Amino acid sequence: MTLSIIIFIVGVLGFIINRTNLIIILISIELILLGATLNFLIHGAIFDDIACQTYSVIIISLAGAESAIGLALVVAYYRLRGSISLIN
């Protein structure tokens, strides 16, 4: 339980503190989703609830789609600007 909370907090802090690099923002969003998924899996195991495990599978598939779309946007942004830094 504490591991999922730590991962979630690291993701939120990475998202809030570093707003200059798109790759770090995407990694922070992935950490947030990973922390939430791990929390759902832990609660599903403790309370023997299949719905939590179903939500975890949905979150993992959404995280994969978010990664693919996010990286495609980073490539398009790099081609347009020549850098992935958000500060010009």
PDB file of N, CA and C in Angstrom:
ATOM      1  N   MET A   1       0.827  -1.194   0.000  1.00  0.00           N
ATOM      2  CA  MET A   1       0.000   0.000   0.000  1.00  0.00           C
ATOM      3  C   MET A   1       0.871   1.257   0.000  1.00  0.00           C
ATOM      4  N   THR A   2       1.895   1.264   0.826  1.00  0.00           N
ATOM      5  CA  THR A   2       2.734   2.459   0.883  1.00  0.00           C
ATOM      6  C   THR A   2       3.530   2.638  -0.410  1.00  0.00           C
ATOM      7  N   LEU A   3       3.878   1.526  -1.061  1.00  0.00           N
ATOM      8  CA  LEU A   3       4.602   1.632  -2.328  1.00  0.00           C
ATOM      9  C   LEU A   3       3.751   2.316  -3.389  1.00  0.00           C
ATOM     10  N   SER A   4       2.471   1.971  -3.457  1.00  0.00           N
ATOM     11  CA  SER A   4       1.603   2.607  -4.448  1.00  0.00           C
ATOM     12  C   SER A   4       1.408   4.090  -4.146  1.00  0.00           C
ATOM     13  N   ILE A   5       1.336   4.426  -2.877  1.00  0.00           N
ATOM     14  CA  ILE A   5       1.191   5.842  -2.506  1.00  0.00           C
ATOM     15  C   ILE A   5       2.465   6.609  -2.840  1.00  0.00           C
ATOM     16  N   ILE A   6       3.618   6.011  -2.585  1.00  0.00           N
ATOM     17  CA  ILE A   6       4.893   6.671  -2.901  1.00  0.00           C
ATOM     18  C   ILE A   6       5.034   6.874  -4.404  1.00  0.00           C
ATOM     19  N   ILE A   7       4.697   5.846  -5.191  1.00  0.00           N
ATOM     20  CA  ILE A   7       4.770   5.979  -6.650  1.00  0.00           C
ATOM     21  C   ILE A   7       3.827   7.063  -7.140  1.00  0.00           C
ATOM     22  N   PHE A   8       2.616   7.101  -6.594  1.00  0.00           N
ATOM     23  CA  PHE A   8       1.642   8.121  -6.983  1.00  0.00           C
ATOM     24  C   PHE A   8       2.141   9.522  -6.641  1.00  0.00           C
ATOM     25  N   ILE A   9       2.688   9.693  -5.446  1.00  0.00           N
ATOM     26  CA  ILE A   9       3.173  11.010  -5.016  1.00  0.00           C
ATOM     27  C   ILE A   9       4.367  11.455  -5.850  1.00  0.00           C
ATOM     28  N   VAL A  10       5.281  10.521  -6.172  1.00  0.00           N
ATOM     29  CA  VAL A  10       6.420  10.866  -7.028  1.00  0.00           C
ATOM     30  C   VAL A  10       5.932  11.320  -8.403  1.00  0.00           C
ATOM     31  N   GLY A  11       4.909  10.650  -8.933  1.00  0.00           N
ATOM     32  CA  GLY A  11       4.345  11.060 -10.212  1.00  0.00           C
ATOM     33  C   GLY A  11       3.713  12.440 -10.165  1.00  0.00           C
ATOM     34  N   VAL A  12       2.965  12.706  -9.113  1.00  0.00           N
ATOM     35  CA  VAL A  12       2.327  14.019  -8.979  1.00  0.00           C
ATOM     36  C   VAL A  12       3.374  15.114  -8.801  1.00  0.00           C
ATOM     37  N   LEU A  13       4.384  14.859  -7.968  1.00  0.00           N
ATOM     38  CA  LEU A  13       5.438  15.858  -7.778  1.00  0.00           C
ATOM     39  C   LEU A  13       6.236  16.087  -9.058  1.00  0.00           C
ATOM     40  N   GLY A  14       6.501  15.013  -9.803  1.00  0.00           N
ATOM     41  CA  GLY A  14       7.196  15.172 -11.076  1.00  0.00           C
ATOM     42  C   GLY A  14       6.386  15.972 -12.066  1.00  0.00           C
ATOM     43  N   PHE A  15       5.081  15.800 -12.039  1.00  0.00           N
ATOM     44  CA  PHE A  15       4.214  16.555 -12.937  1.00  0.00           C
ATOM     45  C   PHE A  15       4.137  18.022 -12.535  1.00  0.00           C
ATOM     46  N   ILE A  16       4.077  18.285 -11.241  1.00  0.00           N
ATOM     47  CA  ILE A  16       3.943  19.664 -10.762  1.00  0.00           C
ATOM     48  C   ILE A  16       5.265  20.423 -10.852  1.00  0.00           C
ATOM     49  N   ILE A  17       6.351  19.795 -10.417  1.00  0.00           N
ATOM     50  CA  ILE A  17       7.633  20.498 -10.331  1.00  0.00           C
ATOM     51  C   ILE A  17       8.247  20.740 -11.706  1.00  0.00           C
ATOM     52  N   ASN A  18       8.261  19.725 -12.554  1.00  0.00           N
ATOM     53  CA  ASN A  18       8.941  19.854 -13.838  1.00  0.00           C
ATOM     54  C   ASN A  18       7.927  20.046 -14.951  1.00  0.00           C
ATOM     55  N   ARG A  19       7.778  21.255 -15.383  1.00  0.00           N
ATOM     56  CA  ARG A  19       6.866  21.575 -16.480  1.00  0.00           C
ATOM     57  C   ARG A  19       7.622  22.006 -17.720  1.00  0.00           C
ATOM     58  N   THR A  20       8.895  21.619 -17.832  1.00  0.00           N
ATOM     59  CA  THR A  20       9.689  22.101 -18.954  1.00  0.00           C
ATOM     60  C   THR A  20       9.948  21.036 -20.012  1.00  0.00           C
ATOM     61  N   ASN A  21       9.790  19.755 -19.694  1.00  0.00           N
ATOM     62  CA  ASN A  21      10.138  18.696 -20.615  1.00  0.00           C
ATOM     63  C   ASN A  21       8.934  17.772 -20.805  1.00  0.00           C
ATOM     64  N   LEU A  22       8.551  17.562 -22.052  1.00  0.00           N
ATOM     65  CA  LEU A  22       7.378  16.739 -22.332  1.00  0.00           C
ATOM     66  C   LEU A  22       7.575  15.275 -21.958  1.00  0.00           C
ATOM     67  N   ILE A  23       8.782  14.765 -22.121  1.00  0.00           N
ATOM     68  CA  ILE A  23       9.044  13.365 -21.794  1.00  0.00           C
ATOM     69  C   ILE A  23       8.875  13.124 -20.292  1.00  0.00           C
ATOM     70  N   ILE A  24       9.371  14.027 -19.479  1.00  0.00           N
ATOM     71  CA  ILE A  24       9.240  13.872 -18.026  1.00  0.00           C
ATOM     72  C   ILE A  24       7.777  14.004 -17.596  1.00  0.00           C
ATOM     73  N   ILE A  25       7.018  14.849 -18.266  1.00  0.00           N
ATOM     74  CA  ILE A  25       5.593  14.970 -17.970  1.00  0.00           C
ATOM     75  C   ILE A  25       4.879  13.658 -18.299  1.00  0.00           C
ATOM     76  N   LEU A  26       5.202  13.052 -19.440  1.00  0.00           N
ATOM     77  CA  LEU A  26       4.594  11.772 -19.798  1.00  0.00           C
ATOM     78  C   LEU A  26       4.976  10.665 -18.819  1.00  0.00           C
ATOM     79  N   ILE A  27       6.224  10.636 -18.397  1.00  0.00           N
ATOM     80  CA  ILE A  27       6.658   9.640 -17.421  1.00  0.00           C
ATOM     81  C   ILE A  27       5.946   9.849 -16.087  1.00  0.00           C
ATOM     82  N   SER A  28       5.743  11.102 -15.699  1.00  0.00           N
ATOM     83  CA  SER A  28       5.035  11.390 -14.451  1.00  0.00           C
ATOM     84  C   SER A  28       3.585  10.930 -14.523  1.00  0.00           C
ATOM     85  N   ILE A  29       2.932  11.117 -15.661  1.00  0.00           N
ATOM     86  CA  ILE A  29       1.562  10.636 -15.822  1.00  0.00           C
ATOM     87  C   ILE A  29       1.522   9.115 -15.758  1.00  0.00           C
ATOM     88  N   GLU A  30       2.523   8.465 -16.337  1.00  0.00           N
ATOM     89  CA  GLU A  30       2.604   7.006 -16.255  1.00  0.00           C
ATOM     90  C   GLU A  30       2.784   6.544 -14.817  1.00  0.00           C
ATOM     91  N   LEU A  31       3.584   7.258 -14.039  1.00  0.00           N
ATOM     92  CA  LEU A  31       3.761   6.900 -12.631  1.00  0.00           C
ATOM     93  C   LEU A  31       2.467   7.076 -11.844  1.00  0.00           C
ATOM     94  N   ILE A  32       1.716   8.117 -12.145  1.00  0.00           N
ATOM     95  CA  ILE A  32       0.430   8.327 -11.485  1.00  0.00           C
ATOM     96  C   ILE A  32      -0.511   7.168 -11.784  1.00  0.00           C
ATOM     97  N   LEU A  33      -0.568   6.773 -13.050  1.00  0.00           N
ATOM     98  CA  LEU A  33      -1.442   5.654 -13.424  1.00  0.00           C
ATOM     99  C   LEU A  33      -0.952   4.338 -12.822  1.00  0.00           C
ATOM    100  N   LEU A  34       0.360   4.151 -12.735  1.00  0.00           N
ATOM    101  CA  LEU A  34       0.910   2.938 -12.135  1.00  0.00           C
ATOM    102  C   LEU A  34       0.586   2.867 -10.647  1.00  0.00           C
ATOM    103  N   GLY A  35       0.700   3.988  -9.951  1.00  0.00           N
ATOM    104  CA  GLY A  35       0.350   4.020  -8.530  1.00  0.00           C
ATOM    105  C   GLY A  35      -1.118   3.715  -8.297  1.00  0.00           C
ATOM    106  N   ALA A  36      -1.993   4.268  -9.144  1.00  0.00           N
ATOM    107  CA  ALA A  36      -3.423   3.989  -9.006  1.00  0.00           C
ATOM    108  C   ALA A  36      -3.731   2.530  -9.316  1.00  0.00           C
ATOM    109  N   THR A  37      -3.068   1.980 -10.332  1.00  0.00           N
ATOM    110  CA  THR A  37      -3.287   0.583 -10.688  1.00  0.00           C
ATOM    111  C   THR A  37      -2.832  -0.350  -9.566  1.00  0.00           C
ATOM    112  N   LEU A  38      -1.678  -0.077  -9.017  1.00  0.00           N
ATOM    113  CA  LEU A  38      -1.172  -0.902  -7.922  1.00  0.00           C
ATOM    114  C   LEU A  38      -2.092  -0.818  -6.703  1.00  0.00           C
ATOM    115  N   ASN A  39      -2.633   0.349  -6.448  1.00  0.00           N
ATOM    116  CA  ASN A  39      -3.564   0.523  -5.341  1.00  0.00           C
ATOM    117  C   ASN A  39      -4.845  -0.277  -5.578  1.00  0.00           C
ATOM    118  N   PHE A  40      -5.360  -0.243  -6.805  1.00  0.00           N
ATOM    119  CA  PHE A  40      -6.543  -1.050  -7.117  1.00  0.00           C
ATOM    120  C   PHE A  40      -6.261  -2.534  -6.957  1.00  0.00           C
ATOM    121  N   LEU A  41      -5.084  -2.986  -7.414  1.00  0.00           N
ATOM    122  CA  LEU A  41      -4.751  -4.405  -7.284  1.00  0.00           C
ATOM    123  C   LEU A  41      -4.621  -4.835  -5.833  1.00  0.00           C
ATOM    124  N   ILE A  42      -4.039  -3.984  -5.003  1.00  0.00           N
ATOM    125  CA  ILE A  42      -3.903  -4.313  -3.583  1.00  0.00           C
ATOM    126  C   ILE A  42      -5.275  -4.412  -2.917  1.00  0.00           C
ATOM    127  N   HIS A  43      -6.147  -3.442  -3.219  1.00  0.00           N
ATOM    128  CA  HIS A  43      -7.485  -3.492  -2.629  1.00  0.00           C
ATOM    129  C   HIS A  43      -8.288  -4.677  -3.163  1.00  0.00           C
ATOM    130  N   GLY A  44      -8.081  -5.024  -4.432  1.00  0.00           N
ATOM    131  CA  GLY A  44      -8.759  -6.189  -4.978  1.00  0.00           C
ATOM    132  C   GLY A  44      -8.319  -7.476  -4.314  1.00  0.00           C
ATOM    133  N   ALA A  45      -7.036  -7.564  -3.965  1.00  0.00           N
ATOM    134  CA  ALA A  45      -6.538  -8.759  -3.290  1.00  0.00           C
ATOM    135  C   ALA A  45      -6.999  -8.813  -1.840  1.00  0.00           C
ATOM    136  N   ILE A  46      -7.035  -7.666  -1.178  1.00  0.00           N
ATOM    137  CA  ILE A  46      -7.444  -7.639   0.233  1.00  0.00           C
ATOM    138  C   ILE A  46      -8.932  -7.961   0.382  1.00  0.00           C
ATOM    139  N   PHE A  47      -9.775  -7.315  -0.430  1.00  0.00           N
ATOM    140  CA  PHE A  47     -11.224  -7.476  -0.295  1.00  0.00           C
ATOM    141  C   PHE A  47     -11.802  -8.542  -1.212  1.00  0.00           C
ATOM    142  N   ASP A  48     -10.934  -9.238  -1.970  1.00  0.00           N
ATOM    143  CA  ASP A  48     -11.353 -10.295  -2.891  1.00  0.00           C
ATOM    144  C   ASP A  48     -12.446  -9.791  -3.838  1.00  0.00           C
ATOM    145  N   ASP A  49     -12.155  -8.670  -4.484  1.00  0.00           N
ATOM    146  CA  ASP A  49     -13.110  -8.022  -5.382  1.00  0.00           C
ATOM    147  C   ASP A  49     -12.561  -8.065  -6.808  1.00  0.00           C
ATOM    148  N   ILE A  50     -13.321  -8.649  -7.703  1.00  0.00           N
ATOM    149  CA  ILE A  50     -12.885  -8.767  -9.091  1.00  0.00           C
ATOM    150  C   ILE A  50     -13.012  -7.434  -9.829  1.00  0.00           C
ATOM    151  N   ALA A  51     -13.849  -6.530  -9.353  1.00  0.00           N
ATOM    152  CA  ALA A  51     -14.034  -5.240 -10.015  1.00  0.00           C
ATOM    153  C   ALA A  51     -12.752  -4.414  -9.956  1.00  0.00           C
ATOM    154  N   CYS A  52     -12.036  -4.489  -8.848  1.00  0.00           N
ATOM    155  CA  CYS A  52     -10.772  -3.753  -8.739  1.00  0.00           C
ATOM    156  C   CYS A  52      -9.751  -4.261  -9.744  1.00  0.00           C
ATOM    157  N   GLN A  53      -9.716  -5.566  -9.937  1.00  0.00           N
ATOM    158  CA  GLN A  53      -8.785  -6.119 -10.911  1.00  0.00           C
ATOM    159  C   GLN A  53      -9.202  -5.756 -12.330  1.00  0.00           C
ATOM    160  N   THR A  54     -10.493  -5.663 -12.577  1.00  0.00           N
ATOM    161  CA  THR A  54     -10.990  -5.235 -13.885  1.00  0.00           C
ATOM    162  C   THR A  54     -10.610  -3.779 -14.137  1.00  0.00           C
ATOM    163  N   TYR A  55     -10.765  -2.935 -13.147  1.00  0.00           N
ATOM    164  CA  TYR A  55     -10.355  -1.537 -13.279  1.00  0.00           C
ATOM    165  C   TYR A  55      -8.857  -1.425 -13.544  1.00  0.00           C
ATOM    166  N   SER A  56      -8.088  -2.303 -12.926  1.00  0.00           N
ATOM    167  CA  SER A  56      -6.639  -2.282 -13.139  1.00  0.00           C
ATOM    168  C   SER A  56      -6.286  -2.598 -14.582  1.00  0.00           C
ATOM    169  N   VAL A  57      -6.953  -3.568 -15.162  1.00  0.00           N
ATOM    170  CA  VAL A  57      -6.707  -3.906 -16.568  1.00  0.00           C
ATOM    171  C   VAL A  57      -7.102  -2.745 -17.466  1.00  0.00           C
ATOM    172  N   ILE A  58      -8.200  -2.090 -17.154  1.00  0.00           N
ATOM    173  CA  ILE A  58      -8.637  -0.932 -17.947  1.00  0.00           C
ATOM    174  C   ILE A  58      -7.624   0.203 -17.820  1.00  0.00           C
ATOM    175  N   ILE A  59      -7.124   0.458 -16.618  1.00  0.00           N
ATOM    176  CA  ILE A  59      -6.144   1.524 -16.417  1.00  0.00           C
ATOM    177  C   ILE A  59      -4.855   1.211 -17.160  1.00  0.00           C
ATOM    178  N   ILE A  60      -4.419  -0.049 -17.139  1.00  0.00           N
ATOM    179  CA  ILE A  60      -3.194  -0.418 -17.854  1.00  0.00           C
ATOM    180  C   ILE A  60      -3.359  -0.206 -19.355  1.00  0.00           C
ATOM    181  N   SER A  61      -4.531  -0.577 -19.903  1.00  0.00           N
ATOM    182  CA  SER A  61      -4.725  -0.361 -21.334  1.00  0.00           C
ATOM    183  C   SER A  61      -4.835   1.120 -21.663  1.00  0.00           C
ATOM    184  N   LEU A  62      -5.429   1.907 -20.803  1.00  0.00           N
ATOM    185  CA  LEU A  62      -5.461   3.353 -21.029  1.00  0.00           C
ATOM    186  C   LEU A  62      -4.063   3.959 -20.947  1.00  0.00           C
ATOM    187  N   ALA A  63      -3.243   3.451 -20.044  1.00  0.00           N
ATOM    188  CA  ALA A  63      -1.869   3.945 -19.925  1.00  0.00           C
ATOM    189  C   ALA A  63      -1.068   3.622 -21.181  1.00  0.00           C
ATOM    190  N   GLY A  64      -1.279   2.455 -21.745  1.00  0.00           N
ATOM    191  CA  GLY A  64      -0.599   2.109 -22.994  1.00  0.00           C
ATOM    192  C   GLY A  64      -1.026   2.998 -24.145  1.00  0.00           C
ATOM    193  N   ALA A  65      -2.312   3.268 -24.239  1.00  0.00           N
ATOM    194  CA  ALA A  65      -2.807   4.169 -25.286  1.00  0.00           C
ATOM    195  C   ALA A  65      -2.291   5.582 -25.067  1.00  0.00           C
ATOM    196  N   GLU A  66      -2.238   6.007 -23.819  1.00  0.00           N
ATOM    197  CA  GLU A  66      -1.726   7.347 -23.508  1.00  0.00           C
ATOM    198  C   GLU A  66      -0.255   7.467 -23.884  1.00  0.00           C
ATOM    199  N   SER A  67       0.501   6.415 -23.654  1.00  0.00           N
ATOM    200  CA  SER A  67       1.924   6.440 -24.018  1.00  0.00           C
ATOM    201  C   SER A  67       2.104   6.557 -25.520  1.00  0.00           C
ATOM    202  N   ALA A  68       1.349   5.777 -26.267  1.00  0.00           N
ATOM    203  CA  ALA A  68       1.477   5.802 -27.728  1.00  0.00           C
ATOM    204  C   ALA A  68       1.081   7.155 -28.288  1.00  0.00           C
ATOM    205  N   ILE A  69      -0.027   7.682 -27.840  1.00  0.00           N
ATOM    206  CA  ILE A  69      -0.490   8.981 -28.339  1.00  0.00           C
ATOM    207  C   ILE A  69       0.434  10.089 -27.871  1.00  0.00           C
ATOM    208  N   GLY A  70       0.866  10.016 -26.612  1.00  0.00           N
ATOM    209  CA  GLY A  70       1.765  11.046 -26.085  1.00  0.00           C
ATOM    210  C   GLY A  70       3.092  11.086 -26.814  1.00  0.00           C
ATOM    211  N   LEU A  71       3.668   9.926 -27.091  1.00  0.00           N
ATOM    212  CA  LEU A  71       4.941   9.905 -27.813  1.00  0.00           C
ATOM    213  C   LEU A  71       4.773  10.369 -29.253  1.00  0.00           C
ATOM    214  N   ALA A  72       3.637  10.066 -29.876  1.00  0.00           N
ATOM    215  CA  ALA A  72       3.372  10.575 -31.223  1.00  0.00           C
ATOM    216  C   ALA A  72       3.273  12.104 -31.207  1.00  0.00           C
ATOM    217  N   LEU A  73       2.656  12.644 -30.167  1.00  0.00           N
ATOM    218  CA  LEU A  73       2.572  14.104 -30.046  1.00  0.00           C
ATOM    219  C   LEU A  73       3.941  14.723 -29.788  1.00  0.00           C
ATOM    220  N   VAL A  74       4.780  14.043 -29.019  1.00  0.00           N
ATOM    221  CA  VAL A  74       6.133  14.549 -28.773  1.00  0.00           C
ATOM    222  C   VAL A  74       6.938  14.578 -30.069  1.00  0.00           C
ATOM    223  N   VAL A  75       6.814  13.542 -30.885  1.00  0.00           N
ATOM    224  CA  VAL A  75       7.519  13.518 -32.170  1.00  0.00           C
ATOM    225  C   VAL A  75       7.021  14.640 -33.073  1.00  0.00           C
ATOM    226  N   ALA A  76       5.713  14.857 -33.118  1.00  0.00           N
ATOM    227  CA  ALA A  76       5.166  15.943 -33.933  1.00  0.00           C
ATOM    228  C   ALA A  76       5.619  17.305 -33.413  1.00  0.00           C
ATOM    229  N   TYR A  77       5.652  17.458 -32.096  1.00  0.00           N
ATOM    230  CA  TYR A  77       6.102  18.718 -31.495  1.00  0.00           C
ATOM    231  C   TYR A  77       7.578  18.965 -31.803  1.00  0.00           C
ATOM    232  N   TYR A  78       8.390  17.896 -31.753  1.00  0.00           N
ATOM    233  CA  TYR A  78       9.813  18.022 -32.055  1.00  0.00           C
ATOM    234  C   TYR A  78      10.026  18.413 -33.516  1.00  0.00           C
ATOM    235  N   ARG A  79       9.262  17.830 -34.401  1.00  0.00           N
ATOM    236  CA  ARG A  79       9.391  18.177 -35.814  1.00  0.00           C
ATOM    237  C   ARG A  79       8.973  19.617 -36.077  1.00  0.00           C
ATOM    238  N   LEU A  80       8.004  20.097 -35.328  1.00  0.00           N
ATOM    239  CA  LEU A  80       7.522  21.466 -35.520  1.00  0.00           C
ATOM    240  C   LEU A  80       8.470  22.493 -34.905  1.00  0.00           C
ATOM    241  N   ARG A  81       8.933  22.245 -33.674  1.00  0.00           N
ATOM    242  CA  ARG A  81       9.737  23.221 -32.933  1.00  0.00           C
ATOM    243  C   ARG A  81      11.235  22.966 -32.981  1.00  0.00           C
ATOM    244  N   GLY A  82      11.643  21.712 -33.176  1.00  0.00           N
ATOM    245  CA  GLY A  82      13.062  21.381 -33.155  1.00  0.00           C
ATOM    246  C   GLY A  82      13.596  21.068 -31.774  1.00  0.00           C
ATOM    247  N   SER A  83      12.741  21.095 -30.770  1.00  0.00           N
ATOM    248  CA  SER A  83      13.118  20.785 -29.391  1.00  0.00           C
ATOM    249  C   SER A  83      11.865  20.321 -28.649  1.00  0.00           C
ATOM    250  N   ILE A  84      12.058  19.507 -27.600  1.00  0.00           N
ATOM    251  CA  ILE A  84      10.916  19.084 -26.823  1.00  0.00           C
ATOM    252  C   ILE A  84      10.746  19.901 -25.540  1.00  0.00           C
ATOM    253  N   SER A  85      11.578  20.910 -25.374  1.00  0.00           N
ATOM    254  CA  SER A  85      11.476  21.782 -24.219  1.00  0.00           C
ATOM    255  C   SER A  85      10.268  22.702 -24.376  1.00  0.00           C
ATOM    256  N   LEU A  86       9.509  22.878 -23.301  1.00  0.00           N
ATOM    257  CA  LEU A  86       8.334  23.725 -23.364  1.00  0.00           C
ATOM    258  C   LEU A  86       8.650  25.193 -23.151  1.00  0.00           C
ATOM    259  N   ILE A  87       9.868  25.487 -22.676  1.00  0.00           N
ATOM    260  CA  ILE A  87      10.277  26.875 -22.467  1.00  0.00           C
ATOM    261  C   ILE A  87      11.015  27.331 -23.722  1.00  0.00           C
ATOM    262  N   ASN A  88      10.529  28.390 -24.338  1.00  0.00           N
ATOM    263  CA  ASN A  88      11.157  28.889 -25.573  1.00  0.00           C
ATOM    264  C   ASN A  88      12.100  30.031 -25.287  1.00  0.00           C
TER     265      ASN A  88
END
